[in-house]
Amino acid sequence: MITDYGNSYIVWTSSQNPEDDRVPGHMPWDNTVRILLDSRCWITNEDTKETTVYNLISPCRTEWMYRDDVLWQQPNREYSGIFSEKETLSGHISAEPHQEFGGDWREVKLTTDGYKRYEFVIRHHRSTYRLENDAETVKATMDYLPIIAHTEIWSPDEKLRAIIEYPIRTMNVALDHGRIQVDTGPVIYPDLITNTRRDIERLHWAFVCYNTDDVAEFVLRGPTTLTSNSGDIGTYIDYSEVRRTPMRNSFYAVNV
């Protein structure tokens, strides 16, 4: 089944933190939030046959909740996260150097910490079909059909396999040559090579680019050096690290 990214969500309810003394502060109410998903990822351990599903939410900005006088927090920051049934990898990003901000953009927490309600509402397209070649992909693109990709990658020993699913937000087509090139995101990129303390720490925010179905370039978000004519002037979080990755790719078009 192919996820309907225009109608699939994470929903949670959180309580006001009585120790939050920031000014002007949130209204002291419970808050329920519904956020669309941008990408999903299934990672399977081939030895145990266990599969974990991860969900990347659409980013939002930091705000003061339900106030009448001021809404946007300053300095303003992006909030985004990758969520499974048991864990979250989430945090904030701003224009401040990440060392000064505290580096909280990849904090791992248990979903049992702080949520009164926590659930995924996943809906699927009723009718899809696989695009078998570039010609069919070009046609679906120019017919303005929604297209969703399944990109499979694996560890060098093939003991870990991942399927990354995401909607194609930007598709390029060379009509005179029948070629396509994807440039889209954000998506989940699972690092299946590096050992981590927790499996969720393998995951990265990324954009993906490819024009064949066997290799892709992912550009990962992470600490990025800011330079000027006088040299390095700081580090901030942006998309900069490129991973060229063998993969198998499939496109699915939605019948509308």
Protein backbone atom coordinates (compact mmCIF):
# COMPACT_ATOMS: atom_id res chain seq x y z
CA MET A 1 0.00 0.00 0.00
CA ILE A 2 1.15 3.52 -0.85
CA THR A 3 0.88 6.22 1.82
CA ASP A 4 -1.33 9.23 1.10
CA TYR A 5 1.01 12.02 2.21
CA GLY A 6 -1.70 14.65 1.89
CA ASN A 7 -3.81 12.88 4.50
CA SER A 8 -1.50 11.03 6.93
CA TYR A 9 -0.53 12.44 10.30
CA ILE A 10 1.04 12.15 13.69
CA VAL A 11 -1.22 13.35 16.51
CA TRP A 12 -0.16 14.00 20.07
CA THR A 13 -1.41 15.78 23.19
CA SER A 14 1.05 17.40 25.57
CA SER A 15 0.58 19.23 28.84
CA GLN A 16 1.93 22.65 29.71
CA ASN A 17 5.25 22.36 31.54
CA PRO A 18 4.85 24.17 34.90
CA GLU A 19 8.64 24.69 35.04
CA ASP A 20 8.69 26.61 31.74
CA ASP A 21 9.30 30.17 32.92
CA ARG A 22 9.96 31.75 29.52
CA VAL A 23 8.35 35.10 28.80
CA PRO A 24 5.69 35.75 27.53
CA GLY A 25 5.04 31.98 27.69
CA HIS A 26 2.32 29.60 26.52
CA MET A 27 -1.21 29.62 27.82
CA PRO A 28 -1.31 26.93 30.56
CA TRP A 29 -3.42 24.51 28.55
CA ASP A 30 -3.06 21.03 27.12
CA ASN A 31 -2.29 21.14 23.41
CA THR A 32 -3.22 18.61 20.73
CA VAL A 33 -1.32 18.87 17.46
CA ARG A 34 -1.89 17.19 14.09
CA ILE A 35 1.11 17.27 11.72
CA LEU A 36 1.41 15.88 8.19
CA LEU A 37 4.07 13.32 7.34
CA ASP A 38 6.80 14.09 4.77
CA SER A 39 8.47 10.68 4.51
CA ARG A 40 8.40 7.17 5.98
CA CYS A 41 11.10 4.53 6.34
CA TRP A 42 10.95 0.80 7.06
CA ILE A 43 14.20 -0.75 8.36
CA THR A 44 14.34 -4.56 8.48
CA ASN A 45 16.90 -6.70 10.25
CA GLU A 46 17.30 -9.68 7.91
CA ASP A 47 18.51 -11.94 10.75
CA THR A 48 15.59 -11.33 13.10
CA LYS A 49 13.05 -10.31 10.43
CA GLU A 50 12.03 -7.41 12.68
CA THR A 51 10.94 -4.21 10.98
CA THR A 52 10.74 -0.76 12.56
CA VAL A 53 8.76 2.04 10.93
CA TYR A 54 9.91 5.66 11.18
CA ASN A 55 7.92 8.74 10.21
CA LEU A 56 9.30 12.19 9.33
CA ILE A 57 6.93 15.06 10.10
CA SER A 58 6.57 18.32 8.20
CA PRO A 59 8.58 21.08 9.89
CA CYS A 60 6.97 23.90 11.84
CA ARG A 61 8.21 27.02 13.64
CA THR A 62 8.42 27.86 17.34
CA GLU A 63 5.40 29.76 18.64
CA TRP A 64 3.68 30.92 21.81
CA MET A 65 0.50 28.91 22.15
CA TYR A 66 -2.97 30.51 22.17
CA ARG A 67 -1.86 34.00 23.19
CA ASP A 68 -3.71 37.12 22.01
CA ASP A 69 -0.73 39.49 22.03
CA VAL A 70 2.20 37.68 20.39
CA LEU A 71 2.55 34.36 18.56
CA TRP A 72 6.00 33.87 17.00
CA GLN A 73 8.91 33.22 19.33
CA GLN A 74 12.10 35.24 18.79
CA PRO A 75 14.66 34.09 17.91
CA ASN A 76 12.47 31.83 15.79
CA ARG A 77 13.45 28.21 15.21
CA GLU A 78 12.42 25.26 13.08
CA TYR A 79 11.03 22.22 14.82
CA SER A 80 11.04 18.83 13.12
CA GLY A 81 11.32 15.20 14.10
CA ILE A 82 11.44 11.54 13.11
CA PHE A 83 9.04 9.39 15.13
CA SER A 84 8.55 5.67 15.71
CA GLU A 85 6.09 3.94 18.00
CA LYS A 86 8.67 3.94 20.83
CA GLU A 87 11.18 6.74 20.17
CA THR A 88 11.55 10.22 18.72
CA LEU A 89 14.54 11.98 17.17
CA SER A 90 13.66 15.65 17.14
CA GLY A 91 14.75 19.16 17.95
CA HIS A 92 15.14 22.78 16.94
CA ILE A 93 17.24 24.63 14.39
CA SER A 94 17.81 28.35 14.11
CA ALA A 95 20.26 30.75 12.48
CA GLU A 96 22.33 30.76 15.66
CA PRO A 97 25.58 28.77 15.69
CA HIS A 98 24.57 25.29 16.84
CA GLN A 99 27.22 25.20 19.57
CA GLU A 100 25.73 28.32 21.19
CA PHE A 101 22.19 27.04 20.77
CA GLY A 102 23.04 23.85 22.61
CA GLY A 103 22.92 21.33 19.80
CA ASP A 104 19.41 20.08 20.60
CA TRP A 105 18.45 19.36 16.98
CA ARG A 106 18.92 15.56 17.33
CA GLU A 107 17.57 14.73 20.78
CA VAL A 108 16.35 11.16 21.32
CA LYS A 109 13.41 10.66 23.66
CA LEU A 110 11.00 7.88 24.50
CA THR A 111 7.44 8.47 23.31
CA THR A 112 6.25 7.66 26.82
CA ASP A 113 7.90 10.88 28.03
CA GLY A 114 5.48 13.78 28.11
CA TYR A 115 2.63 12.73 25.83
CA LYS A 116 -0.92 12.23 27.06
CA ARG A 117 -1.90 11.01 23.60
CA TYR A 118 0.38 9.73 20.84
CA GLU A 119 -0.70 8.05 17.62
CA PHE A 120 -0.21 7.87 13.87
CA VAL A 121 -3.11 8.24 11.48
CA ILE A 122 -1.88 6.61 8.26
CA ARG A 123 -4.07 6.61 5.19
CA HIS A 124 -3.30 4.98 1.85
CA HIS A 125 -4.17 5.73 -1.75
CA ARG A 126 -6.97 3.50 -2.97
CA SER A 127 -5.61 3.05 -6.48
CA THR A 128 -1.99 3.27 -7.64
CA TYR A 129 0.12 1.67 -10.34
CA ARG A 130 3.84 1.19 -10.81
CA LEU A 131 5.64 3.27 -13.41
CA GLU A 132 7.79 0.80 -15.32
CA ASN A 133 10.19 3.12 -17.14
CA ASP A 134 11.17 6.75 -17.76
CA ALA A 135 8.56 7.14 -20.50
CA GLU A 136 5.74 6.22 -18.13
CA THR A 137 7.21 8.48 -15.46
CA VAL A 138 7.38 11.42 -17.88
CA LYS A 139 3.77 10.81 -18.90
CA ALA A 140 2.55 10.60 -15.30
CA THR A 141 4.48 13.78 -14.51
CA MET A 142 2.92 15.71 -17.39
CA ASP A 143 -0.50 14.24 -16.62
CA TYR A 144 -0.08 15.91 -13.20
CA LEU A 145 -0.56 12.71 -11.25
CA PRO A 146 0.79 12.40 -7.70
CA ILE A 147 3.93 10.22 -7.73
CA ILE A 148 5.36 8.42 -4.69
CA ALA A 149 8.80 6.78 -4.61
CA HIS A 150 10.05 3.66 -2.88
CA THR A 151 13.84 3.78 -2.61
CA GLU A 152 15.52 0.66 -1.20
CA ILE A 153 19.03 0.72 0.27
CA TRP A 154 20.98 -1.85 2.28
CA SER A 155 24.02 -2.27 4.49
CA PRO A 156 27.26 -3.62 2.97
CA ASP A 157 26.63 -7.04 4.54
CA GLU A 158 22.93 -6.88 3.49
CA LYS A 159 21.82 -7.64 7.05
CA LEU A 160 19.93 -4.35 7.21
CA ARG A 161 17.54 -3.20 4.51
CA ALA A 162 15.54 0.00 4.35
CA ILE A 163 12.71 1.21 2.17
CA ILE A 164 12.36 4.99 2.11
CA GLU A 165 8.97 6.22 0.94
CA TYR A 166 8.24 9.82 -0.01
CA PRO A 167 6.15 11.94 -2.38
CA ILE A 168 7.93 13.42 -5.38
CA ARG A 169 7.56 17.15 -4.77
CA THR A 170 10.00 18.19 -7.52
CA MET A 171 10.34 16.17 -10.72
CA ASN A 172 12.39 17.39 -13.69
CA VAL A 173 11.77 15.97 -17.18
CA ALA A 174 13.74 16.45 -20.42
CA LEU A 175 10.83 16.05 -22.80
CA ASP A 176 12.97 15.89 -25.95
CA HIS A 177 15.16 13.14 -24.48
CA GLY A 178 12.70 11.17 -22.35
CA ARG A 179 14.77 11.54 -19.18
CA ILE A 180 13.76 12.35 -15.62
CA GLN A 181 15.58 13.71 -12.59
CA VAL A 182 14.27 13.80 -9.05
CA ASP A 183 15.23 16.56 -6.61
CA THR A 184 12.99 16.29 -3.60
CA GLY A 185 12.72 16.25 0.17
CA PRO A 186 12.95 16.29 3.01
CA VAL A 187 13.14 12.50 3.27
CA ILE A 188 14.53 10.09 5.84
CA TYR A 189 18.03 8.85 5.09
CA PRO A 190 19.04 5.77 7.13
CA ASP A 191 22.79 5.37 7.61
CA LEU A 192 23.11 1.57 7.47
CA ILE A 193 26.92 1.63 7.72
CA THR A 194 27.73 3.56 10.90
CA ASN A 195 27.18 1.84 14.25
CA THR A 196 25.05 3.86 16.67
CA ARG A 197 23.93 3.37 20.25
CA ARG A 198 20.29 3.50 19.22
CA ASP A 199 18.89 2.50 15.83
CA ILE A 200 16.98 5.77 15.54
CA GLU A 201 20.30 7.63 15.63
CA ARG A 202 21.06 6.15 12.20
CA LEU A 203 18.45 8.45 10.69
CA HIS A 204 19.05 11.79 9.01
CA TRP A 205 17.06 14.54 7.36
CA ALA A 206 18.00 14.63 3.68
CA PHE A 207 17.08 15.71 0.18
CA VAL A 208 17.55 13.16 -2.61
CA CYS A 209 18.57 13.52 -6.25
CA TYR A 210 18.79 10.85 -8.98
CA ASN A 211 18.11 10.22 -12.66
CA THR A 212 18.52 6.43 -12.75
CA ASP A 213 16.96 3.68 -10.66
CA ASP A 214 20.20 2.28 -9.21
CA VAL A 215 22.12 5.15 -7.57
CA ALA A 216 21.07 8.27 -5.69
CA GLU A 217 22.78 11.20 -4.05
CA PHE A 218 21.44 12.19 -0.64
CA VAL A 219 22.47 15.52 0.86
CA LEU A 220 22.26 15.27 4.65
CA ARG A 221 21.52 17.98 7.15
CA GLY A 222 24.22 18.57 9.71
CA PRO A 223 26.84 20.98 11.08
CA THR A 224 28.03 23.13 8.16
CA THR A 225 30.91 25.58 8.25
CA LEU A 226 30.08 29.17 7.33
CA THR A 227 33.00 30.94 5.66
CA SER A 228 33.87 34.43 4.49
CA ASN A 229 36.90 36.07 2.90
CA SER A 230 38.47 36.24 6.35
CA GLY A 231 38.01 32.51 7.00
CA ASP A 232 35.59 30.35 8.95
CA ILE A 233 33.13 32.41 10.98
CA GLY A 234 30.90 29.76 12.51
CA THR A 235 28.93 26.58 12.16
CA TYR A 236 25.23 26.20 11.55
CA ILE A 237 22.88 23.38 10.59
CA ASP A 238 22.17 22.99 6.87
CA TYR A 239 22.10 20.39 4.11
CA SER A 240 25.72 19.87 3.03
CA GLU A 241 27.06 16.30 3.39
CA VAL A 242 26.58 14.27 0.19
CA ARG A 243 26.20 10.48 0.29
CA ARG A 244 26.23 8.72 -3.11
CA THR A 245 24.35 5.51 -2.43
CA PRO A 246 23.50 2.37 -4.44
CA MET A 247 19.75 1.83 -4.41
CA ARG A 248 16.76 0.30 -6.15
CA ASN A 249 13.98 2.71 -6.94
CA SER A 250 10.31 2.34 -7.86
CA PHE A 251 7.76 5.02 -8.72
CA TYR A 252 4.02 4.70 -8.12
CA ALA A 253 1.44 7.00 -9.69
CA VAL A 254 -1.91 7.68 -8.07
CA ASN A 255 -5.09 7.24 -10.08
CA VAL A 256 -7.10 10.42 -9.58
